[in-house]
Amino acid sequence: MSVWLVTGASRGLGAEITREALERGPSVIATARDASVVRRAYPQGPDGLPAAVEAGLARFGRIDVVVNNAGYGVIGAIEEISDEAGRALFDVNVFGVLNTLRATVV
C-alpha cells in the first residue's frame, strides 16, 4: 500500500483527500497550518512538517505520494494589496511548495 503526505489537511480539499485516502487504504501523513484540527482528527501525530516527515519515514519507511495542497489566496486589486501581504502569500504558495518537496525528496 502507498504512503501519502497531504499538506493543508485540516479543512477543505486537503481534509477530503486525507479522509478519502484513509478510507481507500493508503497510509497518510497529514499536515496543516492549524495543526490542532489535524491533531483532533488524528491525535497520534507529531507537530510540524519536518517532524511529520521524519515520523512518517520512521513509521512507514517511505513517502510515495505528496499532495501539496497547502496555500491561500488574497482577494483584491494589485494596487490594494500591501507588499507584506504579497510577500507572505508568495512565501506560502511558492516557497512552501519548495520546502515541502525538499523535506520529502529523500
PDB file of N, CA and C in Angstrom:
ATOM      1  N   MET A   1       0.844  -1.180   0.000  1.00  0.00           N
ATOM      2  CA  MET A   1       0.000   0.000   0.000  1.00  0.00           C
ATOM      3  C   MET A   1       0.890   1.245   0.000  1.00  0.00           C
ATOM      4  N   SER A   2       0.448   2.295  -0.634  1.00  0.00           N
ATOM      5  CA  SER A   2       1.250   3.510  -0.743  1.00  0.00           C
ATOM      6  C   SER A   2       1.156   4.368   0.522  1.00  0.00           C
ATOM      7  N   VAL A   3       2.126   5.265   0.664  1.00  0.00           N
ATOM      8  CA  VAL A   3       2.181   6.206   1.777  1.00  0.00           C
ATOM      9  C   VAL A   3       2.049   7.606   1.194  1.00  0.00           C
ATOM     10  N   TRP A   4       1.050   8.356   1.678  1.00  0.00           N
ATOM     11  CA  TRP A   4       0.788   9.707   1.188  1.00  0.00           C
ATOM     12  C   TRP A   4       1.165  10.732   2.240  1.00  0.00           C
ATOM     13  N   LEU A   5       1.660  11.886   1.797  1.00  0.00           N
ATOM     14  CA  LEU A   5       1.811  13.058   2.646  1.00  0.00           C
ATOM     15  C   LEU A   5       0.874  14.111   2.068  1.00  0.00           C
ATOM     16  N   VAL A   6      -0.038  14.619   2.893  1.00  0.00           N
ATOM     17  CA  VAL A   6      -1.005  15.629   2.448  1.00  0.00           C
ATOM     18  C   VAL A   6      -0.803  16.880   3.288  1.00  0.00           C
ATOM     19  N   THR A   7      -0.481  18.008   2.638  1.00  0.00           N
ATOM     20  CA  THR A   7      -0.394  19.284   3.348  1.00  0.00           C
ATOM     21  C   THR A   7      -1.745  19.983   3.253  1.00  0.00           C
ATOM     22  N   GLY A   8      -1.998  20.872   4.182  1.00  0.00           N
ATOM     23  CA  GLY A   8      -3.277  21.580   4.199  1.00  0.00           C
ATOM     24  C   GLY A   8      -4.434  20.645   4.473  1.00  0.00           C
ATOM     25  N   ALA A   9      -4.227  19.698   5.380  1.00  0.00           N
ATOM     26  CA  ALA A   9      -5.202  18.628   5.611  1.00  0.00           C
ATOM     27  C   ALA A   9      -6.262  18.956   6.652  1.00  0.00           C
ATOM     28  N   SER A  10      -6.289  20.172   7.183  1.00  0.00           N
ATOM     29  CA  SER A  10      -7.236  20.469   8.262  1.00  0.00           C
ATOM     30  C   SER A  10      -8.642  20.777   7.777  1.00  0.00           C
ATOM     31  N   ARG A  11      -8.786  21.198   6.515  1.00  0.00           N
ATOM     32  CA  ARG A  11     -10.120  21.534   6.017  1.00  0.00           C
ATOM     33  C   ARG A  11     -10.135  21.524   4.500  1.00  0.00           C
ATOM     34  N   GLY A  12     -11.306  21.672   3.948  1.00  0.00           N
ATOM     35  CA  GLY A  12     -11.458  21.784   2.503  1.00  0.00           C
ATOM     36  C   GLY A  12     -10.964  20.567   1.749  1.00  0.00           C
ATOM     37  N   LEU A  13     -10.354  20.833   0.608  1.00  0.00           N
ATOM     38  CA  LEU A  13      -9.886  19.779  -0.276  1.00  0.00           C
ATOM     39  C   LEU A  13      -8.863  18.868   0.407  1.00  0.00           C
ATOM     40  N   GLY A  14      -7.948  19.436   1.186  1.00  0.00           N
ATOM     41  CA  GLY A  14      -6.948  18.633   1.872  1.00  0.00           C
ATOM     42  C   GLY A  14      -7.558  17.655   2.856  1.00  0.00           C
ATOM     43  N   ALA A  15      -8.579  18.101   3.601  1.00  0.00           N
ATOM     44  CA  ALA A  15      -9.266  17.210   4.547  1.00  0.00           C
ATOM     45  C   ALA A  15      -9.997  16.105   3.799  1.00  0.00           C
ATOM     46  N   GLU A  16     -10.619  16.448   2.687  1.00  0.00           N
ATOM     47  CA  GLU A  16     -11.338  15.435   1.905  1.00  0.00           C
ATOM     48  C   GLU A  16     -10.383  14.427   1.276  1.00  0.00           C
ATOM     49  N   ILE A  17      -9.248  14.900   0.767  1.00  0.00           N
ATOM     50  CA  ILE A  17      -8.254  13.990   0.194  1.00  0.00           C
ATOM     51  C   ILE A  17      -7.739  13.051   1.277  1.00  0.00           C
ATOM     52  N   THR A  18      -7.447  13.595   2.450  1.00  0.00           N
ATOM     53  CA  THR A  18      -6.960  12.772   3.560  1.00  0.00           C
ATOM     54  C   THR A  18      -7.979  11.723   3.954  1.00  0.00           C
ATOM     55  N   ARG A  19      -9.216  12.141   4.130  1.00  0.00           N
ATOM     56  CA  ARG A  19     -10.285  11.228   4.533  1.00  0.00           C
ATOM     57  C   ARG A  19     -10.491  10.124   3.480  1.00  0.00           C
ATOM     58  N   GLU A  20     -10.532  10.517   2.228  1.00  0.00           N
ATOM     59  CA  GLU A  20     -10.747   9.549   1.141  1.00  0.00           C
ATOM     60  C   GLU A  20      -9.580   8.575   1.031  1.00  0.00           C
ATOM     61  N   ALA A  21      -8.357   9.085   1.133  1.00  0.00           N
ATOM     62  CA  ALA A  21      -7.194   8.206   1.053  1.00  0.00           C
ATOM     63  C   ALA A  21      -7.208   7.187   2.187  1.00  0.00           C
ATOM     64  N   LEU A  22      -7.520   7.637   3.385  1.00  0.00           N
ATOM     65  CA  LEU A  22      -7.554   6.715   4.523  1.00  0.00           C
ATOM     66  C   LEU A  22      -8.643   5.661   4.351  1.00  0.00           C
ATOM     67  N   GLU A  23      -9.772   6.052   3.774  1.00  0.00           N
ATOM     68  CA  GLU A  23     -10.850   5.087   3.546  1.00  0.00           C
ATOM     69  C   GLU A  23     -10.458   4.043   2.503  1.00  0.00           C
ATOM     70  N   ARG A  24      -9.611   4.430   1.553  1.00  0.00           N
ATOM     71  CA  ARG A  24      -9.213   3.510   0.483  1.00  0.00           C
ATOM     72  C   ARG A  24      -8.004   2.660   0.849  1.00  0.00           C
ATOM     73  N   GLY A  25      -7.318   2.991   1.948  1.00  0.00           N
ATOM     74  CA  GLY A  25      -6.263   2.119   2.413  1.00  0.00           C
ATOM     75  C   GLY A  25      -4.855   2.668   2.517  1.00  0.00           C
ATOM     76  N   PRO A  26      -4.458   3.709   1.751  1.00  0.00           N
ATOM     77  CA  PRO A  26      -3.092   4.186   1.911  1.00  0.00           C
ATOM     78  C   PRO A  26      -2.835   4.720   3.320  1.00  0.00           C
ATOM     79  N   SER A  27      -1.580   4.671   3.736  1.00  0.00           N
ATOM     80  CA  SER A  27      -1.176   5.330   4.975  1.00  0.00           C
ATOM     81  C   SER A  27      -1.025   6.806   4.645  1.00  0.00           C
ATOM     82  N   VAL A  28      -1.426   7.678   5.578  1.00  0.00           N
ATOM     83  CA  VAL A  28      -1.404   9.112   5.308  1.00  0.00           C
ATOM     84  C   VAL A  28      -0.676   9.854   6.417  1.00  0.00           C
ATOM     85  N   ILE A  29       0.239  10.733   6.011  1.00  0.00           N
ATOM     86  CA  ILE A  29       0.875  11.692   6.899  1.00  0.00           C
ATOM     87  C   ILE A  29       0.184  13.014   6.585  1.00  0.00           C
ATOM     88  N   ALA A  30      -0.553  13.575   7.550  1.00  0.00           N
ATOM     89  CA  ALA A  30      -1.344  14.781   7.310  1.00  0.00           C
ATOM     90  C   ALA A  30      -0.747  15.962   8.072  1.00  0.00           C
ATOM     91  N   THR A  31      -0.571  17.093   7.361  1.00  0.00           N
ATOM     92  CA  THR A  31      -0.064  18.310   7.996  1.00  0.00           C
ATOM     93  C   THR A  31      -1.027  19.456   7.705  1.00  0.00           C
ATOM     94  N   ALA A  32      -0.974  20.499   8.547  1.00  0.00           N
ATOM     95  CA  ALA A  32      -1.842  21.661   8.344  1.00  0.00           C
ATOM     96  C   ALA A  32      -1.298  22.857   9.104  1.00  0.00           C
ATOM     97  N   ARG A  33      -1.668  24.025   8.649  1.00  0.00           N
ATOM     98  CA  ARG A  33      -1.305  25.258   9.348  1.00  0.00           C
ATOM     99  C   ARG A  33      -1.946  25.265  10.729  1.00  0.00           C
ATOM    100  N   ASP A  34      -3.198  24.840  10.802  1.00  0.00           N
ATOM    101  CA  ASP A  34      -3.892  24.717  12.084  1.00  0.00           C
ATOM    102  C   ASP A  34      -3.772  23.265  12.531  1.00  0.00           C
ATOM    103  N   ALA A  35      -2.632  22.957  13.112  1.00  0.00           N
ATOM    104  CA  ALA A  35      -2.340  21.565  13.485  1.00  0.00           C
ATOM    105  C   ALA A  35      -3.326  21.020  14.504  1.00  0.00           C
ATOM    106  N   SER A  36      -3.977  21.897  15.275  1.00  0.00           N
ATOM    107  CA  SER A  36      -4.923  21.405  16.289  1.00  0.00           C
ATOM    108  C   SER A  36      -6.088  20.660  15.643  1.00  0.00           C
ATOM    109  N   VAL A  37      -6.507  21.073  14.454  1.00  0.00           N
ATOM    110  CA  VAL A  37      -7.599  20.389  13.759  1.00  0.00           C
ATOM    111  C   VAL A  37      -7.158  18.987  13.352  1.00  0.00           C
ATOM    112  N   VAL A  38      -5.957  18.878  12.816  1.00  0.00           N
ATOM    113  CA  VAL A  38      -5.431  17.573  12.414  1.00  0.00           C
ATOM    114  C   VAL A  38      -5.213  16.704  13.646  1.00  0.00           C
ATOM    115  N   ARG A  39      -4.686  17.306  14.727  1.00  0.00           N
ATOM    116  CA  ARG A  39      -4.458  16.531  15.956  1.00  0.00           C
ATOM    117  C   ARG A  39      -5.762  15.995  16.534  1.00  0.00           C
ATOM    118  N   ARG A  40      -6.839  16.785  16.444  1.00  0.00           N
ATOM    119  CA  ARG A  40      -8.138  16.291  16.933  1.00  0.00           C
ATOM    120  C   ARG A  40      -8.624  15.125  16.088  1.00  0.00           C
ATOM    121  N   ALA A  41      -8.439  15.210  14.777  1.00  0.00           N
ATOM    122  CA  ALA A  41      -8.895  14.130  13.893  1.00  0.00           C
ATOM    123  C   ALA A  41      -7.962  12.924  13.960  1.00  0.00           C
ATOM    124  N   TYR A  42      -6.661  13.190  14.102  1.00  0.00           N
ATOM    125  CA  TYR A  42      -5.651  12.129  14.091  1.00  0.00           C
ATOM    126  C   TYR A  42      -4.655  12.412  15.221  1.00  0.00           C
ATOM    127  N   PRO A  43      -5.012  12.111  16.470  1.00  0.00           N
ATOM    128  CA  PRO A  43      -4.223  12.556  17.637  1.00  0.00           C
ATOM    129  C   PRO A  43      -2.839  11.930  17.794  1.00  0.00           C
ATOM    130  N   GLN A  44      -2.496  10.925  17.051  1.00  0.00           N
ATOM    131  CA  GLN A  44      -1.217  10.235  17.243  1.00  0.00           C
ATOM    132  C   GLN A  44      -0.037  10.902  16.555  1.00  0.00           C
ATOM    133  N   GLY A  45      -0.234  12.008  15.843  1.00  0.00           N
ATOM    134  CA  GLY A  45       0.827  12.575  15.014  1.00  0.00           C
ATOM    135  C   GLY A  45       1.689  13.617  15.687  1.00  0.00           C
ATOM    136  N   PRO A  46       2.886  13.885  15.122  1.00  0.00           N
ATOM    137  CA  PRO A  46       3.808  14.907  15.638  1.00  0.00           C
ATOM    138  C   PRO A  46       3.465  16.296  15.105  1.00  0.00           C
ATOM    139  N   ASP A  47       4.146  17.328  15.612  1.00  0.00           N
ATOM    140  CA  ASP A  47       3.935  18.710  15.183  1.00  0.00           C
ATOM    141  C   ASP A  47       4.951  19.123  14.132  1.00  0.00           C
ATOM    142  N   GLY A  48       4.504  19.837  13.105  1.00  0.00           N
ATOM    143  CA  GLY A  48       5.394  20.426  12.118  1.00  0.00           C
ATOM    144  C   GLY A  48       5.748  19.498  10.967  1.00  0.00           C
ATOM    145  N   LEU A  49       5.990  20.110   9.798  1.00  0.00           N
ATOM    146  CA  LEU A  49       6.309  19.322   8.601  1.00  0.00           C
ATOM    147  C   LEU A  49       7.570  18.475   8.762  1.00  0.00           C
ATOM    148  N   PRO A  50       8.701  19.051   9.207  1.00  0.00           N
ATOM    149  CA  PRO A  50       9.887  18.192   9.340  1.00  0.00           C
ATOM    150  C   PRO A  50       9.654  17.028  10.310  1.00  0.00           C
ATOM    151  N   ALA A  51       8.982  17.305  11.418  1.00  0.00           N
ATOM    152  CA  ALA A  51       8.700  16.231  12.387  1.00  0.00           C
ATOM    153  C   ALA A  51       7.749  15.208  11.790  1.00  0.00           C
ATOM    154  N   ALA A  52       6.759  15.677  11.033  1.00  0.00           N
ATOM    155  CA  ALA A  52       5.794  14.756  10.417  1.00  0.00           C
ATOM    156  C   ALA A  52       6.477  13.877   9.371  1.00  0.00           C
ATOM    157  N   VAL A  53       7.350  14.468   8.559  1.00  0.00           N
ATOM    158  CA  VAL A  53       8.076  13.692   7.550  1.00  0.00           C
ATOM    159  C   VAL A  53       8.985  12.671   8.237  1.00  0.00           C
ATOM    160  N   GLU A  54       9.721  13.124   9.243  1.00  0.00           N
ATOM    161  CA  GLU A  54      10.626  12.227   9.968  1.00  0.00           C
ATOM    162  C   GLU A  54       9.852  11.080  10.621  1.00  0.00           C
ATOM    163  N   ALA A  55       8.742  11.405  11.284  1.00  0.00           N
ATOM    164  CA  ALA A  55       7.930  10.366  11.927  1.00  0.00           C
ATOM    165  C   ALA A  55       7.324   9.426  10.884  1.00  0.00           C
ATOM    166  N   GLY A  56       6.876   9.986   9.773  1.00  0.00           N
ATOM    167  CA  GLY A  56       6.310   9.155   8.706  1.00  0.00           C
ATOM    168  C   GLY A  56       7.326   8.204   8.109  1.00  0.00           C
ATOM    169  N   LEU A  57       8.537   8.716   7.875  1.00  0.00           N
ATOM    170  CA  LEU A  57       9.598   7.857   7.339  1.00  0.00           C
ATOM    171  C   LEU A  57       9.992   6.786   8.346  1.00  0.00           C
ATOM    172  N   ALA A  58      10.043   7.158   9.628  1.00  0.00           N
ATOM    173  CA  ALA A  58      10.380   6.177  10.663  1.00  0.00           C
ATOM    174  C   ALA A  58       9.311   5.083  10.741  1.00  0.00           C
ATOM    175  N   ARG A  59       8.060   5.495  10.598  1.00  0.00           N
ATOM    176  CA  ARG A  59       6.961   4.524  10.725  1.00  0.00           C
ATOM    177  C   ARG A  59       6.748   3.697   9.457  1.00  0.00           C
ATOM    178  N   PHE A  60       6.758   4.375   8.289  1.00  0.00           N
ATOM    179  CA  PHE A  60       6.395   3.698   7.044  1.00  0.00           C
ATOM    180  C   PHE A  60       7.586   3.377   6.135  1.00  0.00           C
ATOM    181  N   GLY A  61       8.720   4.035   6.367  1.00  0.00           N
ATOM    182  CA  GLY A  61       9.911   3.762   5.577  1.00  0.00           C
ATOM    183  C   GLY A  61      10.014   4.505   4.267  1.00  0.00           C
ATOM    184  N   ARG A  62       8.950   5.200   3.875  1.00  0.00           N
ATOM    185  CA  ARG A  62       8.966   5.909   2.589  1.00  0.00           C
ATOM    186  C   ARG A  62       7.754   6.835   2.502  1.00  0.00           C
ATOM    187  N   ILE A  63       7.804   7.721   1.523  1.00  0.00           N
ATOM    188  CA  ILE A  63       6.651   8.538   1.132  1.00  0.00           C
ATOM    189  C   ILE A  63       6.528   8.366  -0.366  1.00  0.00           C
ATOM    190  N   ASP A  64       5.374   7.879  -0.823  1.00  0.00           N
ATOM    191  CA  ASP A  64       5.173   7.605  -2.244  1.00  0.00           C
ATOM    192  C   ASP A  64       4.476   8.737  -2.986  1.00  0.00           C
ATOM    193  N   VAL A  65       3.566   9.427  -2.309  1.00  0.00           N
ATOM    194  CA  VAL A  65       2.745  10.450  -2.953  1.00  0.00           C
ATOM    195  C   VAL A  65       2.752  11.698  -2.072  1.00  0.00           C
ATOM    196  N   VAL A  66       3.035  12.866  -2.673  1.00  0.00           N
ATOM    197  CA  VAL A  66       2.950  14.139  -1.963  1.00  0.00           C
ATOM    198  C   VAL A  66       1.819  14.942  -2.586  1.00  0.00           C
ATOM    199  N   VAL A  67       0.808  15.253  -1.780  1.00  0.00           N
ATOM    200  CA  VAL A  67      -0.292  16.118  -2.209  1.00  0.00           C
ATOM    201  C   VAL A  67      -0.026  17.461  -1.550  1.00  0.00           C
ATOM    202  N   ASN A  68       0.559  18.368  -2.318  1.00  0.00           N
ATOM    203  CA  ASN A  68       0.971  19.666  -1.792  1.00  0.00           C
ATOM    204  C   ASN A  68      -0.196  20.636  -1.916  1.00  0.00           C
ATOM    205  N   ASN A  69      -1.137  20.521  -0.999  1.00  0.00           N
ATOM    206  CA  ASN A  69      -2.394  21.233  -1.058  1.00  0.00           C
ATOM    207  C   ASN A  69      -2.392  22.545  -0.273  1.00  0.00           C
ATOM    208  N   ALA A  70      -1.437  22.754   0.603  1.00  0.00           N
ATOM    209  CA  ALA A  70      -1.437  23.940   1.457  1.00  0.00           C
ATOM    210  C   ALA A  70      -1.273  25.203   0.622  1.00  0.00           C
ATOM    211  N   GLY A  71      -1.950  26.241   1.015  1.00  0.00           N
ATOM    212  CA  GLY A  71      -1.843  27.522   0.338  1.00  0.00           C
ATOM    213  C   GLY A  71      -3.059  28.367   0.620  1.00  0.00           C
ATOM    214  N   TYR A  72      -3.029  29.612   0.175  1.00  0.00           N
ATOM    215  CA  TYR A  72      -4.162  30.504   0.355  1.00  0.00           C
ATOM    216  C   TYR A  72      -4.117  31.601  -0.693  1.00  0.00           C
ATOM    217  N   GLY A  73      -5.183  32.350  -0.765  1.00  0.00           N
ATOM    218  CA  GLY A  73      -5.269  33.441  -1.721  1.00  0.00           C
ATOM    219  C   GLY A  73      -5.565  34.757  -1.034  1.00  0.00           C
ATOM    220  N   VAL A  74      -5.292  35.836  -1.729  1.00  0.00           N
ATOM    221  CA  VAL A  74      -5.613  37.187  -1.258  1.00  0.00           C
ATOM    222  C   VAL A  74      -6.506  37.809  -2.312  1.00  0.00           C
ATOM    223  N   ILE A  75      -7.622  38.349  -1.874  1.00  0.00           N
ATOM    224  CA  ILE A  75      -8.556  38.960  -2.807  1.00  0.00           C
ATOM    225  C   ILE A  75      -8.373  40.473  -2.777  1.00  0.00           C
ATOM    226  N   GLY A  76      -8.174  41.053  -3.942  1.00  0.00           N
ATOM    227  CA  GLY A  76      -8.028  42.491  -4.045  1.00  0.00           C
ATOM    228  C   GLY A  76      -7.248  42.850  -5.288  1.00  0.00           C
ATOM    229  N   ALA A  77      -7.387  44.081  -5.700  1.00  0.00           N
ATOM    230  CA  ALA A  77      -6.627  44.580  -6.843  1.00  0.00           C
ATOM    231  C   ALA A  77      -5.155  44.697  -6.443  1.00  0.00           C
ATOM    232  N   ILE A  78      -4.273  44.554  -7.405  1.00  0.00           N
ATOM    233  CA  ILE A  78      -2.837  44.557  -7.137  1.00  0.00           C
ATOM    234  C   ILE A  78      -2.408  45.816  -6.389  1.00  0.00           C
ATOM    235  N   GLU A  79      -3.017  46.951  -6.703  1.00  0.00           N
ATOM    236  CA  GLU A  79      -2.628  48.199  -6.034  1.00  0.00           C
ATOM    237  C   GLU A  79      -3.189  48.297  -4.611  1.00  0.00           C
ATOM    238  N   GLU A  80      -4.108  47.408  -4.262  1.00  0.00           N
ATOM    239  CA  GLU A  80      -4.696  47.411  -2.922  1.00  0.00           C
ATOM    240  C   GLU A  80      -3.979  46.471  -1.958  1.00  0.00           C
ATOM    241  N   ILE A  81      -3.221  45.520  -2.480  1.00  0.00           N
ATOM    242  CA  ILE A  81      -2.563  44.523  -1.650  1.00  0.00           C
ATOM    243  C   ILE A  81      -1.204  45.054  -1.207  1.00  0.00           C
ATOM    244  N   SER A  82      -0.966  45.005   0.091  1.00  0.00           N
ATOM    245  CA  SER A  82       0.307  45.511   0.610  1.00  0.00           C
ATOM    246  C   SER A  82       1.456  44.607   0.175  1.00  0.00           C
ATOM    247  N   ASP A  83       2.648  45.178   0.170  1.00  0.00           N
ATOM    248  CA  ASP A  83       3.845  44.410  -0.150  1.00  0.00           C
ATOM    249  C   ASP A  83       4.000  43.258   0.845  1.00  0.00           C
ATOM    250  N   GLU A  84       3.700  43.517   2.105  1.00  0.00           N
ATOM    251  CA  GLU A  84       3.800  42.489   3.146  1.00  0.00           C
ATOM    252  C   GLU A  84       2.845  41.320   2.867  1.00  0.00           C
ATOM    253  N   ALA A  85       1.607  41.629   2.488  1.00  0.00           N
ATOM    254  CA  ALA A  85       0.635  40.570   2.184  1.00  0.00           C
ATOM    255  C   ALA A  85       1.057  39.782   0.942  1.00  0.00           C
ATOM    256  N   GLY A  86       1.570  40.474  -0.059  1.00  0.00           N
ATOM    257  CA  GLY A  86       2.032  39.804  -1.272  1.00  0.00           C
ATOM    258  C   GLY A  86       3.217  38.885  -0.998  1.00  0.00           C
ATOM    259  N   ARG A  87       4.150  39.335  -0.190  1.00  0.00           N
ATOM    260  CA  ARG A  87       5.314  38.507   0.153  1.00  0.00           C
ATOM    261  C   ARG A  87       4.910  37.298   0.993  1.00  0.00           C
ATOM    262  N   ALA A  88       3.993  37.496   1.931  1.00  0.00           N
ATOM    263  CA  ALA A  88       3.526  36.370   2.761  1.00  0.00           C
ATOM    264  C   ALA A  88       2.836  35.324   1.892  1.00  0.00           C
ATOM    265  N   LEU A  89       2.015  35.778   0.949  1.00  0.00           N
ATOM    266  CA  LEU A  89       1.339  34.874   0.028  1.00  0.00           C
ATOM    267  C   LEU A  89       2.355  34.090  -0.801  1.00  0.00           C
ATOM    268  N   PHE A  90       3.363  34.776  -1.310  1.00  0.00           N
ATOM    269  CA  PHE A  90       4.406  34.139  -2.112  1.00  0.00           C
ATOM    270  C   PHE A  90       5.199  33.144  -1.263  1.00  0.00           C
ATOM    271  N   ASP A  91       5.501  33.516  -0.021  1.00  0.00           N
ATOM    272  CA  ASP A  91       6.236  32.607   0.869  1.00  0.00           C
ATOM    273  C   ASP A  91       5.495  31.285   1.047  1.00  0.00           C
ATOM    274  N   VAL A  92       4.192  31.354   1.254  1.00  0.00           N
ATOM    275  CA  VAL A  92       3.412  30.131   1.469  1.00  0.00           C
ATOM    276  C   VAL A  92       3.217  29.368   0.167  1.00  0.00           C
ATOM    277  N   ASN A  93       2.740  30.050  -0.869  1.00  0.00           N
ATOM    278  CA  ASN A  93       2.341  29.369  -2.096  1.00  0.00           C
ATOM    279  C   ASN A  93       3.494  28.960  -3.012  1.00  0.00           C
ATOM    280  N   VAL A  94       4.660  29.577  -2.870  1.00  0.00           N
ATOM    281  CA  VAL A  94       5.809  29.203  -3.695  1.00  0.00           C
ATOM    282  C   VAL A  94       6.880  28.524  -2.837  1.00  0.00           C
ATOM    283  N   PHE A  95       7.382  29.235  -1.836  1.00  0.00           N
ATOM    284  CA  PHE A  95       8.445  28.649  -1.025  1.00  0.00           C
ATOM    285  C   PHE A  95       7.930  27.513  -0.151  1.00  0.00           C
ATOM    286  N   GLY A  96       6.671  27.543   0.242  1.00  0.00           N
ATOM    287  CA  GLY A  96       6.091  26.419   0.977  1.00  0.00           C
ATOM    288  C   GLY A  96       6.117  25.144   0.161  1.00  0.00           C
ATOM    289  N   VAL A  97       5.805  25.256  -1.122  1.00  0.00           N
ATOM    290  CA  VAL A  97       5.863  24.097  -2.023  1.00  0.00           C
ATOM    291  C   VAL A  97       7.296  23.580  -2.125  1.00  0.00           C
ATOM    292  N   LEU A  98       8.239  24.485  -2.316  1.00  0.00           N
ATOM    293  CA  LEU A  98       9.636  24.083  -2.423  1.00  0.00           C
ATOM    294  C   LEU A  98      10.128  23.425  -1.136  1.00  0.00           C
ATOM    295  N   ASN A  99       9.770  24.007   0.013  1.00  0.00           N
ATOM    296  CA  ASN A  99      10.178  23.428   1.291  1.00  0.00           C
ATOM    297  C   ASN A  99       9.577  22.040   1.510  1.00  0.00           C
ATOM    298  N   THR A 100       8.329  21.870   1.113  1.00  0.00           N
ATOM    299  CA  THR A 100       7.683  20.560   1.243  1.00  0.00           C
ATOM    300  C   THR A 100       8.387  19.531   0.375  1.00  0.00           C
ATOM    301  N   LEU A 101       8.684  19.902  -0.855  1.00  0.00           N
ATOM    302  CA  LEU A 101       9.380  18.978  -1.750  1.00  0.00           C
ATOM    303  C   LEU A 101      10.778  18.648  -1.244  1.00  0.00           C
ATOM    304  N   ARG A 102      11.490  19.661  -0.744  1.00  0.00           N
ATOM    305  CA  ARG A 102      12.826  19.401  -0.198  1.00  0.00           C
ATOM    306  C   ARG A 102      12.766  18.452   1.001  1.00  0.00           C
ATOM    307  N   ALA A 103      11.740  18.622   1.834  1.00  0.00           N
ATOM    308  CA  ALA A 103      11.609  17.784   3.029  1.00  0.00           C
ATOM    309  C   ALA A 103      11.250  16.347   2.698  1.00  0.00           C
ATOM    310  N   THR A 104      10.574  16.158   1.562  1.00  0.00           N
ATOM    311  CA  THR A 104      10.063  14.812   1.257  1.00  0.00           C
ATOM    312  C   THR A 104      10.875  14.049   0.230  1.00  0.00           C
ATOM    313  N   VAL A 105      11.722  14.723  -0.520  1.00  0.00           N
ATOM    314  CA  VAL A 105      12.556  14.032  -1.507  1.00  0.00           C
ATOM    315  C   VAL A 105      13.792  13.521  -0.768  1.00  0.00           C
ATOM    316  N   VAL A 106      13.788  12.233  -0.519  1.00  0.00           N
ATOM    317  CA  VAL A 106      14.900  11.640   0.253  1.00  0.00           C
ATOM    318  C   VAL A 106      15.591  10.559  -0.546  1.00  0.00           C
TER     319      VAL A 106
END
